[in-house]
Amino acid sequence: MFSSRLMLIVTFFVVVVLFLIIFVLLRKSWPILSTKSLGELLSWSWLPSQGKFGFSPFILGTLAVTAVAMIIAIPLSILTAIYIAEYAPRKLRAIVKPFIDLLAGIPSIVFGLFGVLVVVPLVSGYLAPLFGTTSTGYCVLSAGIVLALMVFPIMISICVELFEAVPGGVREASLALGATRWQMVKHVVVRSSFPGIIAAIILGFGRAFGETLAVMMVVGNSPVTPSLFGPAYPLTALIANNYGEMMSVPMYESALMLAAFILLVVSVISIIAARLILRRVERRWAVG
C-alpha cells in the first residue's frame, strides 16, 4: 500500500513539473504575446532593437536541421542494426555493441568539436562543390550530420534489441518455406519489429529536436531562410546564444521565453503525434 502511494506521488510530481514549466514559460512570454500579433511573431524580421521579433526563421531552422538529421539517421541506423543482429559474427557483435553504447555517452561538446574540425571542412571542401555550389561548411547539412551521429547509438541500440527479440522459431519457419536470408529479415524480422522501430525513431527525433550545443557550433547561427548548404538559426541556439545578454532591450527576455515556449509546444505536439501514429501502427499490426 505504501509503495503504491509513493509511486502515485512520484508520478503526480512529474506531471506537476511539466505543467509548472509550461506555466512559467507562458507567464514569462505573456508580455510579448499580449502586445504583438500572431503575424508579427511569425514574420521573418528579427530586429530586437527595433521591437521586431519574428520567429519564422528560427522555427524553420529547427525543423530543417532535425529533418536532415533524421533523413540521414533512420536508414543508416536500421541497416546497421540489421547487420549487427542478423549478419555480424557473434565475436564482432560483442565488440561493436559496447562501442555503440559508448558513443551514446559522449558529451555533445565533443560532437560539436568533431563537427567543426571534420564535418565543416568536409561539407565546404567536398560535398558543396559536388553539388555545384559553395558553402562555408557552417550550414544545415553540417548540423544534420552531427545530429545524425548523436542519434545513431539510440536508434541502433533499440533496433538491435528489437530484432534480437524476434523468436528464432519464426526465422526458421520462414527459411524452411524457401525464403532467402534477406527475405526473412525483410518480411519477418523487420515487419514484426516495425512498431518498435517507430518508437526508436520517436526517441531519436526527440534527441535531435532538442539538441543545442553541438548544433550551435556548426549551423552558422544566421536568421535566414534555411537551405541545405546555407546557415540556419534553430530555436535552441537562439536561446543559448542570447539569454543573459541585451536584456536591457524591451521585450527581449520575453521573446526568448516565447522561443522556449514554442520549442516546448512543438516538441509536445510532435511527441503526441508520433504516439498516435505508433498506436495506429500497433493496432494495424495486431489486426494483421
C-alpha atoms as a PDB file:
ATOM      1  CA  MET A   1       0.000   0.000   0.000  1.00  0.00           C
ATOM      2  CA  PHE A   2       2.786   2.413   0.938  1.00  0.00           C
ATOM      3  CA  SER A   3       4.769   1.634  -2.213  1.00  0.00           C
ATOM      4  CA  SER A   4       1.737   2.240  -4.445  1.00  0.00           C
ATOM      5  CA  ARG A   5       1.073   5.601  -2.778  1.00  0.00           C
ATOM      6  CA  LEU A   6       4.734   6.550  -3.128  1.00  0.00           C
ATOM      7  CA  MET A   7       4.675   5.743  -6.849  1.00  0.00           C
ATOM      8  CA  LEU A   8       1.456   7.737  -7.223  1.00  0.00           C
ATOM      9  CA  ILE A   9       3.082  10.751  -5.548  1.00  0.00           C
ATOM     10  CA  VAL A  10       6.163  10.497  -7.762  1.00  0.00           C
ATOM     11  CA  THR A  11       4.009  10.207 -10.892  1.00  0.00           C
ATOM     12  CA  PHE A  12       1.903  13.183  -9.819  1.00  0.00           C
ATOM     13  CA  PHE A  13       5.093  15.179  -9.142  1.00  0.00           C
ATOM     14  CA  VAL A  14       6.375  14.530 -12.683  1.00  0.00           C
ATOM     15  CA  VAL A  15       3.090  15.720 -14.184  1.00  0.00           C
ATOM     16  CA  VAL A  16       3.104  18.819 -11.947  1.00  0.00           C
ATOM     17  CA  VAL A  17       6.660  19.668 -13.027  1.00  0.00           C
ATOM     18  CA  LEU A  18       5.618  19.554 -16.698  1.00  0.00           C
ATOM     19  CA  PHE A  19       2.655  21.869 -16.156  1.00  0.00           C
ATOM     20  CA  LEU A  20       4.799  24.126 -13.955  1.00  0.00           C
ATOM     21  CA  ILE A  21       7.328  24.512 -16.771  1.00  0.00           C
ATOM     22  CA  ILE A  22       4.527  25.352 -19.192  1.00  0.00           C
ATOM     23  CA  PHE A  23       3.042  27.888 -16.757  1.00  0.00           C
ATOM     24  CA  VAL A  24       6.365  29.625 -16.070  1.00  0.00           C
ATOM     25  CA  LEU A  25       7.285  29.892 -19.754  1.00  0.00           C
ATOM     26  CA  LEU A  26       3.822  31.119 -20.683  1.00  0.00           C
ATOM     27  CA  ARG A  27       3.878  33.696 -17.872  1.00  0.00           C
ATOM     28  CA  LYS A  28       7.307  34.982 -18.927  1.00  0.00           C
ATOM     29  CA  SER A  29       6.189  35.073 -22.575  1.00  0.00           C
ATOM     30  CA  TRP A  30       2.941  36.895 -21.884  1.00  0.00           C
ATOM     31  CA  PRO A  31       4.307  40.485 -22.252  1.00  0.00           C
ATOM     32  CA  ILE A  32       5.225  39.902 -25.894  1.00  0.00           C
ATOM     33  CA  LEU A  33       2.182  37.712 -26.583  1.00  0.00           C
ATOM     34  CA  SER A  34      -0.120  40.458 -25.310  1.00  0.00           C
ATOM     35  CA  THR A  35       1.482  43.237 -27.373  1.00  0.00           C
ATOM     36  CA  LYS A  36       2.428  41.521 -30.645  1.00  0.00           C
ATOM     37  CA  SER A  37       0.065  39.997 -33.177  1.00  0.00           C
ATOM     38  CA  LEU A  38       0.480  36.462 -34.493  1.00  0.00           C
ATOM     39  CA  GLY A  39       1.515  37.871 -37.868  1.00  0.00           C
ATOM     40  CA  GLU A  40       4.327  39.876 -36.277  1.00  0.00           C
ATOM     41  CA  LEU A  41       5.550  36.909 -34.247  1.00  0.00           C
ATOM     42  CA  LEU A  42       5.572  34.657 -37.324  1.00  0.00           C
ATOM     43  CA  SER A  43       7.290  37.194 -39.557  1.00  0.00           C
ATOM     44  CA  TRP A  44      10.850  36.877 -40.887  1.00  0.00           C
ATOM     45  CA  SER A  45      12.126  40.078 -39.290  1.00  0.00           C
ATOM     46  CA  TRP A  46      14.287  39.654 -36.162  1.00  0.00           C
ATOM     47  CA  LEU A  47      15.444  43.091 -35.055  1.00  0.00           C
ATOM     48  CA  PRO A  48      15.104  43.267 -31.246  1.00  0.00           C
ATOM     49  CA  SER A  49      16.472  46.827 -31.067  1.00  0.00           C
ATOM     50  CA  GLN A  50      13.562  47.908 -33.294  1.00  0.00           C
ATOM     51  CA  GLY A  51      10.997  45.824 -31.451  1.00  0.00           C
ATOM     52  CA  LYS A  52      10.684  43.249 -34.250  1.00  0.00           C
ATOM     53  CA  PHE A  53      10.593  39.632 -33.075  1.00  0.00           C
ATOM     54  CA  GLY A  54       9.796  37.315 -35.980  1.00  0.00           C
ATOM     55  CA  PHE A  55      10.277  33.635 -35.142  1.00  0.00           C
ATOM     56  CA  SER A  56       9.751  32.037 -38.562  1.00  0.00           C
ATOM     57  CA  PRO A  57      13.456  31.668 -39.468  1.00  0.00           C
ATOM     58  CA  PHE A  58      14.178  30.036 -36.102  1.00  0.00           C
ATOM     59  CA  ILE A  59      11.245  27.623 -36.296  1.00  0.00           C
ATOM     60  CA  LEU A  60      12.115  26.621 -39.858  1.00  0.00           C
ATOM     61  CA  GLY A  61      15.791  26.361 -38.929  1.00  0.00           C
ATOM     62  CA  THR A  62      14.948  23.931 -36.128  1.00  0.00           C
ATOM     63  CA  LEU A  63      12.733  21.817 -38.380  1.00  0.00           C
ATOM     64  CA  ALA A  64      15.243  21.838 -41.244  1.00  0.00           C
ATOM     65  CA  VAL A  65      18.182  20.654 -39.136  1.00  0.00           C
ATOM     66  CA  THR A  66      16.082  17.972 -37.446  1.00  0.00           C
ATOM     67  CA  ALA A  67      14.679  16.761 -40.766  1.00  0.00           C
ATOM     68  CA  VAL A  68      18.145  16.422 -42.332  1.00  0.00           C
ATOM     69  CA  ALA A  69      19.395  14.557 -39.265  1.00  0.00           C
ATOM     70  CA  MET A  70      16.510  12.084 -39.343  1.00  0.00           C
ATOM     71  CA  ILE A  71      16.777  11.543 -43.112  1.00  0.00           C
ATOM     72  CA  ILE A  72      20.408  10.541 -42.597  1.00  0.00           C
ATOM     73  CA  ALA A  73      19.953   8.638 -39.336  1.00  0.00           C
ATOM     74  CA  ILE A  74      16.868   6.497 -39.979  1.00  0.00           C
ATOM     75  CA  PRO A  75      18.061   4.324 -42.909  1.00  0.00           C
ATOM     76  CA  LEU A  76      21.663   4.055 -41.687  1.00  0.00           C
ATOM     77  CA  SER A  77      20.596   3.129 -38.144  1.00  0.00           C
ATOM     78  CA  ILE A  78      18.134   0.469 -39.289  1.00  0.00           C
ATOM     79  CA  LEU A  79      20.594  -1.085 -41.764  1.00  0.00           C
ATOM     80  CA  THR A  80      23.372  -1.079 -39.147  1.00  0.00           C
ATOM     81  CA  ALA A  81      21.050  -2.727 -36.623  1.00  0.00           C
ATOM     82  CA  ILE A  82      20.051  -5.368 -39.180  1.00  0.00           C
ATOM     83  CA  TYR A  83      23.686  -6.206 -39.854  1.00  0.00           C
ATOM     84  CA  ILE A  84      24.595  -6.411 -36.159  1.00  0.00           C
ATOM     85  CA  ALA A  85      21.570  -8.524 -35.248  1.00  0.00           C
ATOM     86  CA  GLU A  86      21.357 -10.784 -38.310  1.00  0.00           C
ATOM     87  CA  TYR A  87      24.629 -10.932 -40.211  1.00  0.00           C
ATOM     88  CA  ALA A  88      27.554  -9.996 -37.963  1.00  0.00           C
ATOM     89  CA  PRO A  89      29.552 -12.869 -36.394  1.00  0.00           C
ATOM     90  CA  ARG A  90      28.987 -13.241 -32.669  1.00  0.00           C
ATOM     91  CA  LYS A  91      32.511 -12.071 -31.792  1.00  0.00           C
ATOM     92  CA  LEU A  92      32.174  -8.944 -33.924  1.00  0.00           C
ATOM     93  CA  ARG A  93      28.771  -8.239 -32.378  1.00  0.00           C
ATOM     94  CA  ALA A  94      30.245  -8.496 -28.889  1.00  0.00           C
ATOM     95  CA  ILE A  95      32.922  -5.952 -29.836  1.00  0.00           C
ATOM     96  CA  VAL A  96      30.701  -3.465 -31.677  1.00  0.00           C
ATOM     97  CA  LYS A  97      27.778  -3.179 -29.252  1.00  0.00           C
ATOM     98  CA  PRO A  98      29.821  -1.724 -26.348  1.00  0.00           C
ATOM     99  CA  PHE A  99      31.275   0.885 -28.711  1.00  0.00           C
ATOM    100  CA  ILE A 100      27.758   1.908 -29.747  1.00  0.00           C
ATOM    101  CA  ASP A 101      26.811   2.321 -26.096  1.00  0.00           C
ATOM    102  CA  LEU A 102      29.998   4.345 -25.557  1.00  0.00           C
ATOM    103  CA  LEU A 103      29.071   6.612 -28.456  1.00  0.00           C
ATOM    104  CA  ALA A 104      25.782   7.417 -26.722  1.00  0.00           C
ATOM    105  CA  GLY A 105      27.661   8.702 -23.670  1.00  0.00           C
ATOM    106  CA  ILE A 106      29.959  11.145 -25.481  1.00  0.00           C
ATOM    107  CA  PRO A 107      29.237  14.771 -24.429  1.00  0.00           C
ATOM    108  CA  SER A 108      27.605  16.979 -27.034  1.00  0.00           C
ATOM    109  CA  ILE A 109      30.540  19.425 -26.935  1.00  0.00           C
ATOM    110  CA  VAL A 110      32.771  16.653 -28.303  1.00  0.00           C
ATOM    111  CA  PHE A 111      30.366  16.079 -31.190  1.00  0.00           C
ATOM    112  CA  GLY A 112      30.380  19.826 -31.782  1.00  0.00           C
ATOM    113  CA  LEU A 113      34.174  19.949 -31.934  1.00  0.00           C
ATOM    114  CA  PHE A 114      34.183  16.959 -34.281  1.00  0.00           C
ATOM    115  CA  GLY A 115      31.735  18.836 -36.453  1.00  0.00           C
ATOM    116  CA  VAL A 116      33.914  21.948 -36.557  1.00  0.00           C
ATOM    117  CA  LEU A 117      37.147  20.035 -37.234  1.00  0.00           C
ATOM    118  CA  VAL A 118      35.873  17.342 -39.617  1.00  0.00           C
ATOM    119  CA  VAL A 119      32.303  17.823 -40.855  1.00  0.00           C
ATOM    120  CA  VAL A 120      32.522  21.539 -41.687  1.00  0.00           C
ATOM    121  CA  PRO A 121      35.675  21.159 -43.870  1.00  0.00           C
ATOM    122  CA  LEU A 122      34.135  18.054 -45.479  1.00  0.00           C
ATOM    123  CA  VAL A 123      30.986  19.934 -46.444  1.00  0.00           C
ATOM    124  CA  SER A 124      32.758  23.109 -47.625  1.00  0.00           C
ATOM    125  CA  GLY A 125      35.599  21.358 -49.454  1.00  0.00           C
ATOM    126  CA  TYR A 126      33.911  18.296 -50.959  1.00  0.00           C
ATOM    127  CA  LEU A 127      30.130  17.989 -50.618  1.00  0.00           C
ATOM    128  CA  ALA A 128      29.186  21.544 -51.622  1.00  0.00           C
ATOM    129  CA  PRO A 129      31.368  21.523 -54.797  1.00  0.00           C
ATOM    130  CA  LEU A 130      29.971  18.071 -55.609  1.00  0.00           C
ATOM    131  CA  PHE A 131      26.507  19.652 -55.808  1.00  0.00           C
ATOM    132  CA  GLY A 132      27.800  22.626 -57.802  1.00  0.00           C
ATOM    133  CA  THR A 133      27.597  25.209 -55.037  1.00  0.00           C
ATOM    134  CA  THR A 134      29.770  26.896 -52.447  1.00  0.00           C
ATOM    135  CA  SER A 135      29.410  26.877 -48.689  1.00  0.00           C
ATOM    136  CA  THR A 136      31.365  27.883 -45.624  1.00  0.00           C
ATOM    137  CA  GLY A 137      30.518  24.497 -44.147  1.00  0.00           C
ATOM    138  CA  TYR A 138      28.603  26.087 -41.279  1.00  0.00           C
ATOM    139  CA  CYS A 139      25.221  25.072 -42.582  1.00  0.00           C
ATOM    140  CA  VAL A 140      22.116  22.924 -42.170  1.00  0.00           C
ATOM    141  CA  LEU A 141      23.817  19.872 -43.698  1.00  0.00           C
ATOM    142  CA  SER A 142      26.723  20.004 -41.242  1.00  0.00           C
ATOM    143  CA  ALA A 143      24.346  20.358 -38.301  1.00  0.00           C
ATOM    144  CA  GLY A 144      22.236  17.499 -39.665  1.00  0.00           C
ATOM    145  CA  ILE A 145      25.272  15.216 -39.986  1.00  0.00           C
ATOM    146  CA  VAL A 146      26.410  15.989 -36.435  1.00  0.00           C
ATOM    147  CA  LEU A 147      22.914  15.426 -35.077  1.00  0.00           C
ATOM    148  CA  ALA A 148      22.631  12.161 -37.002  1.00  0.00           C
ATOM    149  CA  LEU A 149      25.842  10.953 -35.334  1.00  0.00           C
ATOM    150  CA  MET A 150      24.318  11.760 -31.956  1.00  0.00           C
ATOM    151  CA  VAL A 151      21.080   9.935 -32.808  1.00  0.00           C
ATOM    152  CA  PHE A 152      22.765   6.796 -34.202  1.00  0.00           C
ATOM    153  CA  PRO A 153      23.519   4.994 -30.911  1.00  0.00           C
ATOM    154  CA  ILE A 154      19.995   5.442 -29.532  1.00  0.00           C
ATOM    155  CA  MET A 155      18.251   4.145 -32.632  1.00  0.00           C
ATOM    156  CA  ILE A 156      20.770   1.380 -33.328  1.00  0.00           C
ATOM    157  CA  SER A 157      20.657   0.014 -29.765  1.00  0.00           C
ATOM    158  CA  ILE A 158      16.855  -0.064 -29.676  1.00  0.00           C
ATOM    159  CA  CYS A 159      16.559  -1.663 -33.130  1.00  0.00           C
ATOM    160  CA  VAL A 160      19.165  -4.314 -32.320  1.00  0.00           C
ATOM    161  CA  GLU A 161      17.244  -5.282 -29.180  1.00  0.00           C
ATOM    162  CA  LEU A 162      14.021  -5.431 -31.193  1.00  0.00           C
ATOM    163  CA  PHE A 163      15.499  -7.646 -33.917  1.00  0.00           C
ATOM    164  CA  GLU A 164      17.145  -9.985 -31.426  1.00  0.00           C
ATOM    165  CA  ALA A 165      13.823 -10.362 -29.588  1.00  0.00           C
ATOM    166  CA  VAL A 166      12.139 -11.929 -32.632  1.00  0.00           C
ATOM    167  CA  PRO A 167      11.702 -15.672 -31.822  1.00  0.00           C
ATOM    168  CA  GLY A 168      14.144 -17.995 -33.544  1.00  0.00           C
ATOM    169  CA  GLY A 169      11.328 -20.350 -34.495  1.00  0.00           C
ATOM    170  CA  VAL A 170       9.750 -17.663 -36.662  1.00  0.00           C
ATOM    171  CA  ARG A 171      13.018 -17.160 -38.513  1.00  0.00           C
ATOM    172  CA  GLU A 172      13.489 -20.891 -39.036  1.00  0.00           C
ATOM    173  CA  ALA A 173       9.925 -21.310 -40.295  1.00  0.00           C
ATOM    174  CA  SER A 174      10.465 -18.554 -42.855  1.00  0.00           C
ATOM    175  CA  LEU A 175      13.719 -20.107 -44.078  1.00  0.00           C
ATOM    176  CA  ALA A 176      12.096 -23.548 -44.196  1.00  0.00           C
ATOM    177  CA  LEU A 177       9.445 -22.188 -46.556  1.00  0.00           C
ATOM    178  CA  GLY A 178      12.175 -21.236 -49.021  1.00  0.00           C
ATOM    179  CA  ALA A 179      12.795 -17.603 -48.138  1.00  0.00           C
ATOM    180  CA  THR A 180      16.307 -16.215 -48.549  1.00  0.00           C
ATOM    181  CA  ARG A 181      18.124 -14.689 -45.601  1.00  0.00           C
ATOM    182  CA  TRP A 182      17.303 -11.171 -46.754  1.00  0.00           C
ATOM    183  CA  GLN A 183      13.650 -12.039 -47.421  1.00  0.00           C
ATOM    184  CA  MET A 184      13.404 -13.480 -43.921  1.00  0.00           C
ATOM    185  CA  VAL A 185      14.907 -10.322 -42.436  1.00  0.00           C
ATOM    186  CA  LYS A 186      12.749  -8.012 -44.543  1.00  0.00           C
ATOM    187  CA  HIS A 187       9.384  -9.744 -44.221  1.00  0.00           C
ATOM    188  CA  VAL A 188       9.663 -11.364 -40.794  1.00  0.00           C
ATOM    189  CA  VAL A 189      12.193  -9.608 -38.558  1.00  0.00           C
ATOM    190  CA  VAL A 190      11.677  -6.013 -39.696  1.00  0.00           C
ATOM    191  CA  ARG A 191       7.921  -6.409 -40.157  1.00  0.00           C
ATOM    192  CA  SER A 192       7.339  -7.856 -36.704  1.00  0.00           C
ATOM    193  CA  SER A 193       9.544  -5.146 -35.160  1.00  0.00           C
ATOM    194  CA  PHE A 194       8.009  -2.244 -37.083  1.00  0.00           C
ATOM    195  CA  PRO A 195       6.063  -0.648 -34.171  1.00  0.00           C
ATOM    196  CA  GLY A 196       9.254  -0.707 -32.089  1.00  0.00           C
ATOM    197  CA  ILE A 197      11.193   0.868 -34.946  1.00  0.00           C
ATOM    198  CA  ILE A 198       8.673   3.725 -34.976  1.00  0.00           C
ATOM    199  CA  ALA A 199       9.255   4.150 -31.235  1.00  0.00           C
ATOM    200  CA  ALA A 200      13.023   4.269 -31.836  1.00  0.00           C
ATOM    201  CA  ILE A 201      12.519   6.968 -34.477  1.00  0.00           C
ATOM    202  CA  ILE A 202      10.415   8.950 -31.990  1.00  0.00           C
ATOM    203  CA  LEU A 203      13.187   8.829 -29.396  1.00  0.00           C
ATOM    204  CA  GLY A 204      15.781   9.793 -31.988  1.00  0.00           C
ATOM    205  CA  PHE A 205      13.641  12.715 -33.131  1.00  0.00           C
ATOM    206  CA  GLY A 206      13.316  13.923 -29.549  1.00  0.00           C
ATOM    207  CA  ARG A 207      17.085  13.841 -29.095  1.00  0.00           C
ATOM    208  CA  ALA A 208      17.725  15.671 -32.360  1.00  0.00           C
ATOM    209  CA  PHE A 209      14.997  18.287 -31.902  1.00  0.00           C
ATOM    210  CA  GLY A 210      16.181  19.483 -28.511  1.00  0.00           C
ATOM    211  CA  GLU A 211      19.952  19.397 -29.027  1.00  0.00           C
ATOM    212  CA  THR A 212      21.666  22.760 -28.540  1.00  0.00           C
ATOM    213  CA  LEU A 213      25.429  22.938 -28.140  1.00  0.00           C
ATOM    214  CA  ALA A 214      26.632  20.712 -30.975  1.00  0.00           C
ATOM    215  CA  VAL A 215      24.182  22.281 -33.434  1.00  0.00           C
ATOM    216  CA  MET A 216      25.050  25.818 -32.344  1.00  0.00           C
ATOM    217  CA  MET A 217      28.716  25.207 -33.150  1.00  0.00           C
ATOM    218  CA  VAL A 218      28.216  24.168 -36.793  1.00  0.00           C
ATOM    219  CA  VAL A 219      24.897  25.561 -38.073  1.00  0.00           C
ATOM    220  CA  GLY A 220      26.022  29.130 -38.789  1.00  0.00           C
ATOM    221  CA  ASN A 221      23.516  30.872 -36.484  1.00  0.00           C
ATOM    222  CA  SER A 222      22.059  33.237 -39.066  1.00  0.00           C
ATOM    223  CA  PRO A 223      18.307  34.028 -39.062  1.00  0.00           C
ATOM    224  CA  VAL A 224      17.692  33.478 -42.765  1.00  0.00           C
ATOM    225  CA  THR A 225      15.597  31.081 -44.798  1.00  0.00           C
ATOM    226  CA  PRO A 226      17.347  27.735 -44.248  1.00  0.00           C
ATOM    227  CA  SER A 227      18.836  25.798 -47.150  1.00  0.00           C
ATOM    228  CA  LEU A 228      20.895  22.628 -47.233  1.00  0.00           C
ATOM    229  CA  PHE A 229      24.254  24.358 -47.748  1.00  0.00           C
ATOM    230  CA  GLY A 230      23.248  27.624 -46.107  1.00  0.00           C
ATOM    231  CA  PRO A 231      23.205  28.668 -42.450  1.00  0.00           C
ATOM    232  CA  ALA A 232      20.229  28.458 -40.134  1.00  0.00           C
ATOM    233  CA  TYR A 233      19.392  29.505 -36.598  1.00  0.00           C
ATOM    234  CA  PRO A 234      17.483  26.905 -34.536  1.00  0.00           C
ATOM    235  CA  LEU A 235      15.417  27.977 -31.536  1.00  0.00           C
ATOM    236  CA  THR A 236      17.758  26.204 -29.136  1.00  0.00           C
ATOM    237  CA  ALA A 237      20.762  28.138 -30.437  1.00  0.00           C
ATOM    238  CA  LEU A 238      18.813  31.407 -30.259  1.00  0.00           C
ATOM    239  CA  ILE A 239      18.132  30.904 -26.559  1.00  0.00           C
ATOM    240  CA  ALA A 240      21.626  29.663 -25.706  1.00  0.00           C
ATOM    241  CA  ASN A 241      23.392  32.461 -27.585  1.00  0.00           C
ATOM    242  CA  ASN A 242      21.333  35.371 -26.321  1.00  0.00           C
ATOM    243  CA  TYR A 243      19.885  34.666 -22.891  1.00  0.00           C
ATOM    244  CA  GLY A 244      21.614  36.826 -20.321  1.00  0.00           C
ATOM    245  CA  GLU A 245      22.688  39.396 -22.896  1.00  0.00           C
ATOM    246  CA  MET A 246      20.958  42.500 -24.229  1.00  0.00           C
ATOM    247  CA  MET A 247      18.282  42.184 -21.556  1.00  0.00           C
ATOM    248  CA  SER A 248      18.071  45.968 -21.475  1.00  0.00           C
ATOM    249  CA  VAL A 249      16.226  45.765 -24.809  1.00  0.00           C
ATOM    250  CA  PRO A 250      12.478  45.897 -24.129  1.00  0.00           C
ATOM    251  CA  MET A 251      10.667  42.563 -24.641  1.00  0.00           C
ATOM    252  CA  TYR A 252      13.920  40.750 -25.376  1.00  0.00           C
ATOM    253  CA  GLU A 253      13.715  38.360 -22.414  1.00  0.00           C
ATOM    254  CA  SER A 254      10.040  37.767 -23.082  1.00  0.00           C
ATOM    255  CA  ALA A 255      10.876  36.955 -26.713  1.00  0.00           C
ATOM    256  CA  LEU A 256      13.453  34.382 -25.652  1.00  0.00           C
ATOM    257  CA  MET A 257      10.976  32.860 -23.211  1.00  0.00           C
ATOM    258  CA  LEU A 258       8.480  32.668 -26.057  1.00  0.00           C
ATOM    259  CA  ALA A 259      11.120  30.888 -28.138  1.00  0.00           C
ATOM    260  CA  ALA A 260      11.485  28.334 -25.332  1.00  0.00           C
ATOM    261  CA  PHE A 261       7.695  28.009 -25.127  1.00  0.00           C
ATOM    262  CA  ILE A 262       7.434  27.445 -28.902  1.00  0.00           C
ATOM    263  CA  LEU A 263      10.162  24.812 -28.675  1.00  0.00           C
ATOM    264  CA  LEU A 264       8.283  23.065 -25.876  1.00  0.00           C
ATOM    265  CA  VAL A 265       4.943  23.215 -27.708  1.00  0.00           C
ATOM    266  CA  VAL A 266       6.397  21.862 -30.963  1.00  0.00           C
ATOM    267  CA  SER A 267       8.140  19.075 -29.031  1.00  0.00           C
ATOM    268  CA  VAL A 268       4.938  18.103 -27.200  1.00  0.00           C
ATOM    269  CA  ILE A 269       2.867  18.186 -30.403  1.00  0.00           C
ATOM    270  CA  SER A 270       5.474  16.095 -32.247  1.00  0.00           C
ATOM    271  CA  ILE A 271       5.620  13.510 -29.473  1.00  0.00           C
ATOM    272  CA  ILE A 272       1.812  13.278 -29.219  1.00  0.00           C
ATOM    273  CA  ALA A 273       1.503  12.920 -32.995  1.00  0.00           C
ATOM    274  CA  ALA A 274       4.203  10.262 -33.047  1.00  0.00           C
ATOM    275  CA  ARG A 275       2.498   8.370 -30.219  1.00  0.00           C
ATOM    276  CA  LEU A 276      -0.817   8.429 -32.107  1.00  0.00           C
ATOM    277  CA  ILE A 277       0.923   7.120 -35.224  1.00  0.00           C
ATOM    278  CA  LEU A 278       2.592   4.399 -33.164  1.00  0.00           C
ATOM    279  CA  ARG A 279      -0.734   3.378 -31.620  1.00  0.00           C
ATOM    280  CA  ARG A 280      -2.357   3.179 -35.039  1.00  0.00           C
ATOM    281  CA  VAL A 281       0.528   1.096 -36.387  1.00  0.00           C
ATOM    282  CA  GLU A 282       0.338  -1.259 -33.392  1.00  0.00           C
ATOM    283  CA  ARG A 283      -3.402  -1.734 -33.905  1.00  0.00           C
ATOM    284  CA  ARG A 284      -2.950  -2.410 -37.613  1.00  0.00           C
ATOM    285  CA  TRP A 285      -0.201  -4.932 -36.880  1.00  0.00           C
ATOM    286  CA  ALA A 286      -2.345  -6.606 -34.204  1.00  0.00           C
ATOM    287  CA  VAL A 287      -5.246  -6.944 -36.641  1.00  0.00           C
ATOM    288  CA  GLY A 288      -2.926  -8.170 -39.381  1.00  0.00           C
END
